Amino acid sequence: MNVPDELRYTAEHEWVRRLDDGSRVRVGITDYAQDALGDVVFVDLPDVGDAVAADDAVGELESTKSVSEIYAPVAGSVAAVNEALADAPELLNEDPYGEGWLYDIDMSADADLDALLDAAGYRALTEG
């Protein structure tokens, strides 16, 4: 299982990467999550501009096995969504940490990335 050390993680199997400007983060699902879901066939993402609170359900992933909710890992507003997933949801399975990203959030002032799991913590969660 691929768990990049530079990312932060949630117990709901999302990853978070801080982008260049510092207050924007990119969100996706982990390799573990995409493997557990099976082939992803449909993605319902939040709308750009939506305000989100940490742990809010913001969308859904439909796979050949089940339907799973997507959660916001931090508070803020949705800044961008991965439009490519509308026509190619399989990107989540093929490249979950790259082309298969879900959406970006402009974090609110009180958002706390340090409250999320680091790579070692996420490995412990998924291997336990």
N, C-alpha and C. Protein backbone atom coordinates (compact mmCIF):
# COMPACT_ATOMS: atom_id res chain seq x y z
N MET A 1 0.85 -1.18 0.00
CA MET A 1 0.00 0.00 0.00
C MET A 1 0.89 1.24 0.00
N ASN A 2 0.55 2.18 -0.84
CA ASN A 2 1.32 3.41 -0.99
C ASN A 2 0.78 4.48 -0.03
N VAL A 3 1.64 4.95 0.89
CA VAL A 3 1.28 6.00 1.84
C VAL A 3 2.39 7.06 1.82
N PRO A 4 2.29 8.06 0.93
CA PRO A 4 3.34 9.08 0.84
C PRO A 4 3.56 9.81 2.17
N ASP A 5 4.82 9.96 2.55
CA ASP A 5 5.17 10.57 3.84
C ASP A 5 4.84 12.05 3.93
N GLU A 6 4.77 12.76 2.80
CA GLU A 6 4.58 14.21 2.85
C GLU A 6 3.12 14.63 3.02
N LEU A 7 2.19 13.69 2.99
CA LEU A 7 0.77 14.00 3.08
C LEU A 7 0.25 13.85 4.51
N ARG A 8 -0.94 14.41 4.76
CA ARG A 8 -1.68 14.19 6.00
C ARG A 8 -2.90 13.35 5.63
N TYR A 9 -3.48 12.66 6.61
CA TYR A 9 -4.54 11.69 6.33
C TYR A 9 -5.67 11.80 7.34
N THR A 10 -6.86 11.32 6.92
CA THR A 10 -8.00 11.25 7.83
C THR A 10 -8.32 9.79 8.10
N ALA A 11 -9.06 9.55 9.16
CA ALA A 11 -9.50 8.19 9.47
C ALA A 11 -10.51 7.69 8.44
N GLU A 12 -11.08 8.61 7.63
CA GLU A 12 -12.02 8.24 6.58
C GLU A 12 -11.32 7.98 5.25
N HIS A 13 -9.99 7.94 5.27
CA HIS A 13 -9.16 7.54 4.13
C HIS A 13 -9.05 8.60 3.04
N GLU A 14 -9.07 9.87 3.45
CA GLU A 14 -8.72 10.95 2.53
C GLU A 14 -7.29 11.40 2.83
N TRP A 15 -6.62 11.89 1.79
CA TRP A 15 -5.31 12.50 1.99
C TRP A 15 -5.43 14.00 1.74
N VAL A 16 -4.47 14.75 2.31
CA VAL A 16 -4.45 16.20 2.19
C VAL A 16 -3.02 16.64 1.88
N ARG A 17 -2.87 17.46 0.84
CA ARG A 17 -1.56 18.00 0.46
C ARG A 17 -1.66 19.52 0.47
N ARG A 18 -0.77 20.17 1.21
CA ARG A 18 -0.72 21.64 1.18
C ARG A 18 -0.16 22.06 -0.17
N LEU A 19 -0.84 23.02 -0.81
CA LEU A 19 -0.37 23.53 -2.09
C LEU A 19 0.53 24.74 -1.85
N ASP A 20 1.12 25.26 -2.90
CA ASP A 20 2.18 26.26 -2.81
C ASP A 20 1.87 27.48 -1.95
N ASP A 21 0.65 28.00 -2.04
CA ASP A 21 0.37 29.26 -1.35
C ASP A 21 0.19 29.10 0.16
N GLY A 22 0.09 27.88 0.63
CA GLY A 22 0.04 27.66 2.07
C GLY A 22 -1.34 27.52 2.66
N SER A 23 -2.34 28.29 2.19
CA SER A 23 -3.67 28.18 2.78
C SER A 23 -4.60 27.28 1.96
N ARG A 24 -4.14 26.85 0.81
CA ARG A 24 -4.94 25.96 -0.04
C ARG A 24 -4.40 24.54 0.08
N VAL A 25 -5.33 23.59 0.19
CA VAL A 25 -4.95 22.18 0.23
C VAL A 25 -5.70 21.42 -0.85
N ARG A 26 -5.11 20.33 -1.29
CA ARG A 26 -5.73 19.42 -2.26
C ARG A 26 -6.13 18.17 -1.49
N VAL A 27 -7.28 17.62 -1.84
CA VAL A 27 -7.85 16.46 -1.15
C VAL A 27 -8.07 15.33 -2.16
N GLY A 28 -7.80 14.11 -1.72
CA GLY A 28 -8.08 12.93 -2.54
C GLY A 28 -8.34 11.74 -1.64
N ILE A 29 -8.54 10.59 -2.25
CA ILE A 29 -8.68 9.37 -1.46
C ILE A 29 -7.38 8.59 -1.53
N THR A 30 -7.13 7.82 -0.50
CA THR A 30 -5.88 7.08 -0.40
C THR A 30 -5.88 5.83 -1.29
N ASP A 31 -4.69 5.31 -1.47
CA ASP A 31 -4.52 4.06 -2.19
C ASP A 31 -5.31 2.95 -1.50
N TYR A 32 -5.28 2.95 -0.19
CA TYR A 32 -6.05 1.96 0.58
C TYR A 32 -7.54 2.07 0.25
N ALA A 33 -8.06 3.29 0.22
CA ALA A 33 -9.49 3.51 -0.05
C ALA A 33 -9.87 3.06 -1.45
N GLN A 34 -9.07 3.44 -2.44
CA GLN A 34 -9.43 3.08 -3.81
C GLN A 34 -9.38 1.57 -4.00
N ASP A 35 -8.45 0.90 -3.31
CA ASP A 35 -8.37 -0.56 -3.39
C ASP A 35 -9.59 -1.20 -2.74
N ALA A 36 -10.02 -0.69 -1.60
CA ALA A 36 -11.18 -1.22 -0.90
C ALA A 36 -12.48 -0.99 -1.69
N LEU A 37 -12.56 0.16 -2.37
CA LEU A 37 -13.76 0.48 -3.15
C LEU A 37 -13.91 -0.39 -4.38
N GLY A 38 -12.81 -0.76 -5.00
CA GLY A 38 -12.88 -1.41 -6.30
C GLY A 38 -12.97 -0.35 -7.38
N ASP A 39 -13.43 -0.74 -8.54
CA ASP A 39 -13.47 0.18 -9.68
C ASP A 39 -14.48 1.31 -9.45
N VAL A 40 -13.97 2.55 -9.41
CA VAL A 40 -14.83 3.71 -9.23
C VAL A 40 -15.48 4.03 -10.57
N VAL A 41 -16.83 4.18 -10.56
CA VAL A 41 -17.57 4.41 -11.79
C VAL A 41 -18.27 5.76 -11.84
N PHE A 42 -18.39 6.45 -10.69
CA PHE A 42 -19.05 7.76 -10.66
C PHE A 42 -18.54 8.54 -9.47
N VAL A 43 -18.36 9.86 -9.67
CA VAL A 43 -17.89 10.75 -8.61
C VAL A 43 -18.82 11.96 -8.54
N ASP A 44 -19.33 12.26 -7.34
CA ASP A 44 -20.15 13.44 -7.10
C ASP A 44 -19.35 14.35 -6.18
N LEU A 45 -18.87 15.48 -6.71
CA LEU A 45 -18.01 16.39 -5.96
C LEU A 45 -18.79 17.62 -5.50
N PRO A 46 -18.27 18.32 -4.48
CA PRO A 46 -18.91 19.56 -4.06
C PRO A 46 -18.77 20.62 -5.15
N ASP A 47 -19.51 21.71 -5.01
CA ASP A 47 -19.41 22.82 -5.95
C ASP A 47 -18.36 23.81 -5.50
N VAL A 48 -17.67 24.41 -6.47
CA VAL A 48 -16.73 25.48 -6.16
C VAL A 48 -17.49 26.58 -5.43
N GLY A 49 -16.92 27.05 -4.34
CA GLY A 49 -17.55 28.09 -3.53
C GLY A 49 -18.29 27.55 -2.32
N ASP A 50 -18.57 26.25 -2.29
CA ASP A 50 -19.24 25.66 -1.13
C ASP A 50 -18.40 25.84 0.13
N ALA A 51 -19.04 26.27 1.21
CA ALA A 51 -18.37 26.32 2.51
C ALA A 51 -18.46 24.93 3.13
N VAL A 52 -17.35 24.46 3.69
CA VAL A 52 -17.32 23.13 4.31
C VAL A 52 -16.72 23.23 5.71
N ALA A 53 -17.21 22.37 6.58
CA ALA A 53 -16.64 22.24 7.92
C ALA A 53 -15.91 20.91 7.98
N ALA A 54 -14.89 20.83 8.80
CA ALA A 54 -14.15 19.57 8.95
C ALA A 54 -15.13 18.46 9.31
N ASP A 55 -14.97 17.33 8.65
CA ASP A 55 -15.77 16.11 8.85
C ASP A 55 -17.14 16.16 8.19
N ASP A 56 -17.48 17.24 7.46
CA ASP A 56 -18.73 17.29 6.71
C ASP A 56 -18.67 16.32 5.53
N ALA A 57 -19.79 15.65 5.24
CA ALA A 57 -19.90 14.89 4.00
C ALA A 57 -20.10 15.90 2.87
N VAL A 58 -19.27 15.82 1.82
CA VAL A 58 -19.32 16.81 0.74
C VAL A 58 -19.57 16.20 -0.64
N GLY A 59 -19.62 14.88 -0.73
CA GLY A 59 -19.83 14.24 -2.02
C GLY A 59 -19.88 12.73 -1.86
N GLU A 60 -19.90 12.04 -3.00
CA GLU A 60 -19.97 10.58 -2.99
C GLU A 60 -19.10 9.98 -4.08
N LEU A 61 -18.64 8.77 -3.79
CA LEU A 61 -17.95 7.94 -4.77
C LEU A 61 -18.77 6.68 -4.95
N GLU A 62 -19.06 6.34 -6.19
CA GLU A 62 -19.78 5.10 -6.47
C GLU A 62 -18.82 4.15 -7.16
N SER A 63 -18.75 2.94 -6.64
CA SER A 63 -17.88 1.93 -7.25
C SER A 63 -18.72 0.70 -7.59
N THR A 64 -18.06 -0.29 -8.17
CA THR A 64 -18.75 -1.53 -8.50
C THR A 64 -19.15 -2.28 -7.23
N LYS A 65 -18.58 -1.91 -6.08
CA LYS A 65 -18.87 -2.59 -4.82
C LYS A 65 -19.85 -1.83 -3.93
N SER A 66 -19.77 -0.49 -3.92
CA SER A 66 -20.57 0.27 -2.95
C SER A 66 -20.60 1.76 -3.30
N VAL A 67 -21.33 2.51 -2.48
CA VAL A 67 -21.33 3.97 -2.55
C VAL A 67 -20.73 4.46 -1.23
N SER A 68 -19.76 5.37 -1.31
CA SER A 68 -19.09 5.89 -0.12
C SER A 68 -19.12 7.41 -0.13
N GLU A 69 -19.22 7.98 1.05
CA GLU A 69 -19.22 9.44 1.16
C GLU A 69 -17.80 9.97 1.14
N ILE A 70 -17.67 11.20 0.64
CA ILE A 70 -16.42 11.96 0.68
C ILE A 70 -16.58 12.99 1.79
N TYR A 71 -15.57 13.13 2.64
CA TYR A 71 -15.64 14.06 3.76
C TYR A 71 -14.60 15.17 3.60
N ALA A 72 -14.91 16.33 4.14
CA ALA A 72 -13.96 17.44 4.17
C ALA A 72 -13.00 17.21 5.34
N PRO A 73 -11.71 17.21 5.10
CA PRO A 73 -10.75 16.99 6.18
C PRO A 73 -10.50 18.24 7.02
N VAL A 74 -10.75 19.42 6.44
CA VAL A 74 -10.55 20.70 7.14
C VAL A 74 -11.67 21.66 6.75
N ALA A 75 -11.83 22.71 7.54
CA ALA A 75 -12.84 23.73 7.26
C ALA A 75 -12.31 24.73 6.23
N GLY A 76 -13.23 25.27 5.45
CA GLY A 76 -12.87 26.29 4.48
C GLY A 76 -13.90 26.36 3.37
N SER A 77 -13.45 26.77 2.18
CA SER A 77 -14.36 26.80 1.03
C SER A 77 -13.72 26.06 -0.14
N VAL A 78 -14.56 25.41 -0.91
CA VAL A 78 -14.09 24.64 -2.06
C VAL A 78 -13.58 25.61 -3.12
N ALA A 79 -12.31 25.46 -3.49
CA ALA A 79 -11.67 26.37 -4.43
C ALA A 79 -11.60 25.83 -5.85
N ALA A 80 -11.59 24.51 -6.00
CA ALA A 80 -11.51 23.87 -7.31
C ALA A 80 -11.95 22.43 -7.17
N VAL A 81 -12.44 21.87 -8.26
CA VAL A 81 -12.76 20.44 -8.30
C VAL A 81 -12.09 19.84 -9.53
N ASN A 82 -11.83 18.55 -9.46
CA ASN A 82 -11.17 17.85 -10.56
C ASN A 82 -12.23 17.47 -11.60
N GLU A 83 -12.41 18.34 -12.57
CA GLU A 83 -13.43 18.14 -13.61
C GLU A 83 -13.17 16.88 -14.43
N ALA A 84 -11.93 16.44 -14.52
CA ALA A 84 -11.59 15.26 -15.32
C ALA A 84 -12.28 14.00 -14.80
N LEU A 85 -12.63 13.98 -13.51
CA LEU A 85 -13.27 12.79 -12.94
C LEU A 85 -14.67 12.55 -13.48
N ALA A 86 -15.33 13.58 -14.01
CA ALA A 86 -16.68 13.40 -14.57
C ALA A 86 -16.65 12.42 -15.74
N ASP A 87 -15.62 12.52 -16.56
CA ASP A 87 -15.50 11.64 -17.73
C ASP A 87 -14.57 10.45 -17.49
N ALA A 88 -13.75 10.53 -16.46
CA ALA A 88 -12.77 9.47 -16.21
C ALA A 88 -12.64 9.17 -14.71
N PRO A 89 -13.71 8.65 -14.08
CA PRO A 89 -13.64 8.36 -12.65
C PRO A 89 -12.59 7.31 -12.30
N GLU A 90 -12.18 6.54 -13.29
CA GLU A 90 -11.15 5.52 -13.06
C GLU A 90 -9.80 6.11 -12.67
N LEU A 91 -9.61 7.43 -12.87
CA LEU A 91 -8.38 8.08 -12.43
C LEU A 91 -8.15 7.89 -10.93
N LEU A 92 -9.25 7.78 -10.17
CA LEU A 92 -9.12 7.54 -8.72
C LEU A 92 -8.41 6.23 -8.44
N ASN A 93 -8.66 5.22 -9.26
CA ASN A 93 -8.01 3.92 -9.09
C ASN A 93 -6.60 3.92 -9.67
N GLU A 94 -6.43 4.58 -10.79
CA GLU A 94 -5.16 4.54 -11.50
C GLU A 94 -4.09 5.42 -10.86
N ASP A 95 -4.47 6.57 -10.32
CA ASP A 95 -3.49 7.54 -9.81
C ASP A 95 -4.10 8.34 -8.65
N PRO A 96 -4.38 7.68 -7.50
CA PRO A 96 -5.09 8.36 -6.42
C PRO A 96 -4.35 9.56 -5.83
N TYR A 97 -3.03 9.61 -5.93
CA TYR A 97 -2.27 10.72 -5.35
C TYR A 97 -1.86 11.77 -6.39
N GLY A 98 -2.26 11.56 -7.63
CA GLY A 98 -1.89 12.48 -8.71
C GLY A 98 -3.12 12.95 -9.46
N GLU A 99 -3.32 12.43 -10.67
CA GLU A 99 -4.42 12.85 -11.54
C GLU A 99 -5.79 12.53 -10.96
N GLY A 100 -5.86 11.66 -9.95
CA GLY A 100 -7.13 11.29 -9.35
C GLY A 100 -7.51 12.12 -8.13
N TRP A 101 -6.94 13.29 -7.94
CA TRP A 101 -7.32 14.16 -6.82
C TRP A 101 -8.79 14.54 -6.96
N LEU A 102 -9.41 14.93 -5.84
CA LEU A 102 -10.84 15.25 -5.83
C LEU A 102 -11.13 16.74 -5.92
N TYR A 103 -10.67 17.52 -4.92
CA TYR A 103 -10.99 18.95 -4.87
C TYR A 103 -9.97 19.68 -4.01
N ASP A 104 -9.95 21.01 -4.16
CA ASP A 104 -9.08 21.87 -3.36
C ASP A 104 -9.94 22.68 -2.39
N ILE A 105 -9.38 22.95 -1.22
CA ILE A 105 -10.05 23.78 -0.22
C ILE A 105 -9.15 24.95 0.14
N ASP A 106 -9.72 26.16 0.16
CA ASP A 106 -9.06 27.30 0.78
C ASP A 106 -9.41 27.22 2.26
N MET A 107 -8.42 26.90 3.07
CA MET A 107 -8.67 26.64 4.49
C MET A 107 -9.08 27.90 5.23
N SER A 108 -9.97 27.74 6.18
CA SER A 108 -10.32 28.85 7.07
C SER A 108 -9.17 29.06 8.04
N ALA A 109 -9.18 30.21 8.70
CA ALA A 109 -8.08 30.57 9.60
C ALA A 109 -7.87 29.56 10.72
N ASP A 110 -8.94 28.90 11.16
CA ASP A 110 -8.80 27.97 12.27
C ASP A 110 -8.60 26.51 11.84
N ALA A 111 -8.44 26.27 10.53
CA ALA A 111 -8.20 24.90 10.06
C ALA A 111 -6.85 24.42 10.58
N ASP A 112 -6.80 23.16 10.97
CA ASP A 112 -5.59 22.63 11.60
C ASP A 112 -5.14 21.33 10.94
N LEU A 113 -4.16 21.43 10.05
CA LEU A 113 -3.63 20.23 9.40
C LEU A 113 -2.92 19.32 10.39
N ASP A 114 -2.36 19.89 11.45
CA ASP A 114 -1.65 19.08 12.43
C ASP A 114 -2.57 18.13 13.19
N ALA A 115 -3.88 18.38 13.14
CA ALA A 115 -4.83 17.49 13.80
C ALA A 115 -5.05 16.20 13.00
N LEU A 116 -4.62 16.21 11.74
CA LEU A 116 -4.77 15.03 10.89
C LEU A 116 -3.63 14.05 11.14
N LEU A 117 -3.82 12.82 10.68
CA LEU A 117 -2.80 11.79 10.86
C LEU A 117 -1.60 12.05 9.95
N ASP A 118 -0.42 11.74 10.45
CA ASP A 118 0.75 11.71 9.57
C ASP A 118 0.81 10.32 8.93
N ALA A 119 1.80 10.10 8.07
CA ALA A 119 1.88 8.83 7.34
C ALA A 119 2.00 7.64 8.29
N ALA A 120 2.81 7.76 9.33
CA ALA A 120 2.98 6.66 10.29
C ALA A 120 1.65 6.36 10.99
N GLY A 121 0.93 7.39 11.37
CA GLY A 121 -0.36 7.21 12.02
C GLY A 121 -1.38 6.56 11.11
N TYR A 122 -1.35 6.96 9.83
CA TYR A 122 -2.29 6.36 8.88
C TYR A 122 -1.94 4.89 8.62
N ARG A 123 -0.65 4.59 8.49
CA ARG A 123 -0.24 3.19 8.32
C ARG A 123 -0.71 2.35 9.50
N ALA A 124 -0.55 2.87 10.70
CA ALA A 124 -0.99 2.15 11.91
C ALA A 124 -2.49 1.91 11.87
N LEU A 125 -3.25 2.91 11.41
CA LEU A 125 -4.71 2.77 11.31
C LEU A 125 -5.10 1.67 10.34
N THR A 126 -4.47 1.63 9.19
CA THR A 126 -4.88 0.70 8.14
C THR A 126 -4.30 -0.71 8.34
N GLU A 127 -3.23 -0.80 9.09
CA GLU A 127 -2.62 -2.12 9.32
C GLU A 127 -3.11 -2.77 10.59
N GLY A 128 -3.84 -2.00 11.43
CA GLY A 128 -4.25 -2.48 12.74
C GLY A 128 -5.47 -3.31 12.76
